[in-house]
C-alpha atoms as a PDB file:
ATOM      1  CA  MET A   1      -7.994  44.310 -23.886  1.00  0.00           C
ATOM      2  CA  ASP A   2      -9.299  42.048 -21.157  1.00  0.00           C
ATOM      3  CA  ARG A   3      -7.565  39.209 -23.033  1.00  0.00           C
ATOM      4  CA  ALA A   4      -4.224  40.623 -22.898  1.00  0.00           C
ATOM      5  CA  ASN A   5      -4.740  41.759 -19.334  1.00  0.00           C
ATOM      6  CA  SER A   6      -5.558  38.082 -18.117  1.00  0.00           C
ATOM      7  CA  SER A   7      -2.513  36.822 -20.283  1.00  0.00           C
ATOM      8  CA  ARG A   8      -0.058  39.536 -18.659  1.00  0.00           C
ATOM      9  CA  VAL A   9      -1.537  38.886 -15.184  1.00  0.00           C
ATOM     10  CA  ALA A  10      -1.055  34.932 -15.864  1.00  0.00           C
ATOM     11  CA  ALA A  11       2.502  35.613 -17.262  1.00  0.00           C
ATOM     12  CA  GLN A  12       3.579  37.690 -14.081  1.00  0.00           C
ATOM     13  CA  GLU A  13       2.176  34.807 -11.825  1.00  0.00           C
ATOM     14  CA  ALA A  14       4.250  32.203 -13.807  1.00  0.00           C
ATOM     15  CA  THR A  15       7.276  34.389 -13.702  1.00  0.00           C
ATOM     16  CA  SER A  16       6.890  34.961  -9.938  1.00  0.00           C
ATOM     17  CA  LYS A  17       6.673  31.124  -9.097  1.00  0.00           C
ATOM     18  CA  VAL A  18       9.705  30.662 -11.282  1.00  0.00           C
ATOM     19  CA  GLU A  19      11.520  33.323  -9.558  1.00  0.00           C
ATOM     20  CA  SER A  20      10.641  31.862  -6.111  1.00  0.00           C
ATOM     21  CA  GLU A  21      12.017  28.596  -7.451  1.00  0.00           C
ATOM     22  CA  VAL A  22      14.986  29.801  -8.431  1.00  0.00           C
ATOM     23  CA  ARG A  23      15.808  31.769  -5.227  1.00  0.00           C
ATOM     24  CA  ARG A  24      14.918  28.340  -3.246  1.00  0.00           C
ATOM     25  CA  VAL A  25      17.240  26.109  -5.615  1.00  0.00           C
ATOM     26  CA  GLN A  26      19.993  29.026  -5.047  1.00  0.00           C
ATOM     27  CA  LEU A  27      19.883  28.752  -1.356  1.00  0.00           C
ATOM     28  CA  ILE A  28      20.145  25.032  -1.214  1.00  0.00           C
ATOM     29  CA  ALA A  29      23.052  25.159  -3.557  1.00  0.00           C
ATOM     30  CA  GLY A  30      25.003  27.929  -1.512  1.00  0.00           C
ATOM     31  CA  GLU A  31      24.641  25.709   1.513  1.00  0.00           C
ATOM     32  CA  SER A  32      27.967  24.071   2.671  1.00  0.00           C
ATOM     33  CA  PHE A  33      28.414  20.372   2.007  1.00  0.00           C
ATOM     34  CA  ALA A  34      30.218  17.717   4.161  1.00  0.00           C
ATOM     35  CA  PHE A  35      30.215  14.268   3.115  1.00  0.00           C
ATOM     36  CA  THR A  36      29.879  11.781   5.957  1.00  0.00           C
ATOM     37  CA  PRO A  37      30.505   8.272   4.409  1.00  0.00           C
ATOM     38  CA  PRO A  38      28.160   5.527   5.902  1.00  0.00           C
ATOM     39  CA  PRO A  39      29.157   3.497   8.749  1.00  0.00           C
ATOM     40  CA  ARG A  40      31.314   0.578   7.799  1.00  0.00           C
ATOM     41  CA  LEU A  41      29.929  -2.894   7.731  1.00  0.00           C
ATOM     42  CA  GLU A  42      31.673  -5.751   9.256  1.00  0.00           C
ATOM     43  CA  GLY A  43      33.745  -8.046   6.871  1.00  0.00           C
ATOM     44  CA  PRO A  44      33.364 -11.450   6.174  1.00  0.00           C
ATOM     45  CA  LYS A  45      34.620 -13.651   9.073  1.00  0.00           C
ATOM     46  CA  LEU A  46      37.858 -14.992   8.116  1.00  0.00           C
ATOM     47  CA  PRO A  47      38.965 -18.560   9.126  1.00  0.00           C
ATOM     48  CA  GLN A  48      41.767 -18.915  11.560  1.00  0.00           C
ATOM     49  CA  ASP A  49      45.147 -19.666  10.380  1.00  0.00           C
ATOM     50  CA  THR A  50      45.254 -22.896  12.083  1.00  0.00           C
ATOM     51  CA  GLU A  51      42.366 -24.460  10.610  1.00  0.00           C
ATOM     52  CA  ALA A  52      42.623 -26.535   7.732  1.00  0.00           C
ATOM     53  CA  PRO A  53      40.179 -25.724   4.833  1.00  0.00           C
ATOM     54  CA  ALA A  54      37.422 -28.235   4.136  1.00  0.00           C
ATOM     55  CA  VAL A  55      38.515 -30.439   1.347  1.00  0.00           C
ATOM     56  CA  PRO A  56      35.814 -32.820  -0.069  1.00  0.00           C
ATOM     57  CA  SER A  57      36.482 -36.607   0.503  1.00  0.00           C
ATOM     58  CA  GLU A  58      35.887 -37.513  -2.962  1.00  0.00           C
ATOM     59  CA  ALA A  59      36.411 -35.735  -6.634  1.00  0.00           C
ATOM     60  CA  LEU A  60      33.409 -34.019  -8.051  1.00  0.00           C
ATOM     61  CA  PRO A  61      31.587 -35.496 -10.869  1.00  0.00           C
ATOM     62  CA  GLU A  62      33.363 -35.063 -14.202  1.00  0.00           C
ATOM     63  CA  LEU A  63      30.235 -34.944 -15.910  1.00  0.00           C
ATOM     64  CA  GLY A  64      26.609 -33.743 -14.922  1.00  0.00           C
ATOM     65  CA  GLU A  65      25.567 -32.124 -11.481  1.00  0.00           C
ATOM     66  CA  LEU A  66      25.652 -34.047  -8.210  1.00  0.00           C
ATOM     67  CA  PHE A  67      22.525 -33.861  -5.936  1.00  0.00           C
ATOM     68  CA  GLU A  68      21.212 -35.246  -2.616  1.00  0.00           C
ATOM     69  CA  HIS A  69      17.917 -35.811  -1.461  1.00  0.00           C
ATOM     70  CA  GLN A  70      16.649 -37.436   1.757  1.00  0.00           C
ATOM     71  CA  GLY A  71      20.200 -39.375   2.080  1.00  0.00           C
ATOM     72  CA  GLN A  72      19.897 -40.398  -1.588  1.00  0.00           C
ATOM     73  CA  ARG A  73      22.349 -39.088  -4.100  1.00  0.00           C
ATOM     74  CA  TYR A  74      21.702 -38.353  -7.756  1.00  0.00           C
ATOM     75  CA  LEU A  75      23.848 -37.633 -10.702  1.00  0.00           C
ATOM     76  CA  ALA A  76      21.841 -35.596 -13.047  1.00  0.00           C
ATOM     77  CA  VAL A  77      22.691 -35.430 -16.961  1.00  0.00           C
ATOM     78  CA  LYS A  78      21.005 -33.232 -19.592  1.00  0.00           C
ATOM     79  CA  THR A  79      21.433 -35.361 -22.989  1.00  0.00           C
ATOM     80  CA  TRP A  80      21.308 -38.772 -23.902  1.00  0.00           C
ATOM     81  CA  GLU A  81      24.956 -38.835 -25.217  1.00  0.00           C
ATOM     82  CA  GLN A  82      26.069 -38.173 -21.562  1.00  0.00           C
ATOM     83  CA  VAL A  83      24.161 -41.092 -20.242  1.00  0.00           C
ATOM     84  CA  ARG A  84      26.760 -43.793 -21.205  1.00  0.00           C
ATOM     85  CA  GLN A  85      29.843 -41.615 -20.190  1.00  0.00           C
ATOM     86  CA  ALA A  86      28.157 -40.784 -16.871  1.00  0.00           C
ATOM     87  CA  MET A  87      27.409 -44.482 -15.731  1.00  0.00           C
ATOM     88  CA  PRO A  88      30.707 -45.074 -14.320  1.00  0.00           C
ATOM     89  CA  VAL A  89      30.931 -41.745 -12.824  1.00  0.00           C
ATOM     90  CA  ALA A  90      27.416 -42.402 -10.907  1.00  0.00           C
ATOM     91  CA  GLY A  91      28.979 -45.724  -9.927  1.00  0.00           C
ATOM     92  CA  ARG A  92      31.937 -44.190  -8.183  1.00  0.00           C
ATOM     93  CA  LEU A  93      29.781 -41.416  -6.462  1.00  0.00           C
ATOM     94  CA  LYS A  94      27.197 -44.212  -5.379  1.00  0.00           C
ATOM     95  CA  ALA A  95      24.542 -42.149  -7.214  1.00  0.00           C
ATOM     96  CA  THR A  96      21.392 -42.867  -9.065  1.00  0.00           C
ATOM     97  CA  LEU A  97      21.697 -41.666 -12.769  1.00  0.00           C
ATOM     98  CA  VAL A  98      18.738 -39.187 -13.620  1.00  0.00           C
ATOM     99  CA  SER A  99      17.699 -36.834 -16.213  1.00  0.00           C
ATOM    100  CA  ALA A 100      18.032 -33.242 -15.490  1.00  0.00           C
ATOM    101  CA  VAL A 101      15.726 -31.985 -18.226  1.00  0.00           C
ATOM    102  CA  GLY A 102      12.338 -31.410 -16.535  1.00  0.00           C
ATOM    103  CA  LYS A 103       8.799 -29.860 -17.573  1.00  0.00           C
ATOM    104  CA  LYS A 104       8.724 -25.997 -18.292  1.00  0.00           C
ATOM    105  CA  ALA A 105       6.050 -24.372 -16.072  1.00  0.00           C
END
């Protein structure tokens, strides 16, 4: 009998907790909703119509990637097959031909 009474009391407490949670959620759901969008961020600054776009003075490399470090230019290639084709490109760009493959950390 005592176990039945304690189980009934525990069930009543659990039920009352759930009922109070349902009432709280119903109050929240009953509140009116008004969407207020966030303030607009300033868009990117567009160039003036009178300004000419920046155009590179030389063509980009047909092969590899061009890097510059401390005033020295480097043309990096990834395979041995690219070395022979990249030599004239490096000469045109006045760059040192290097390997783009390095040690993995």
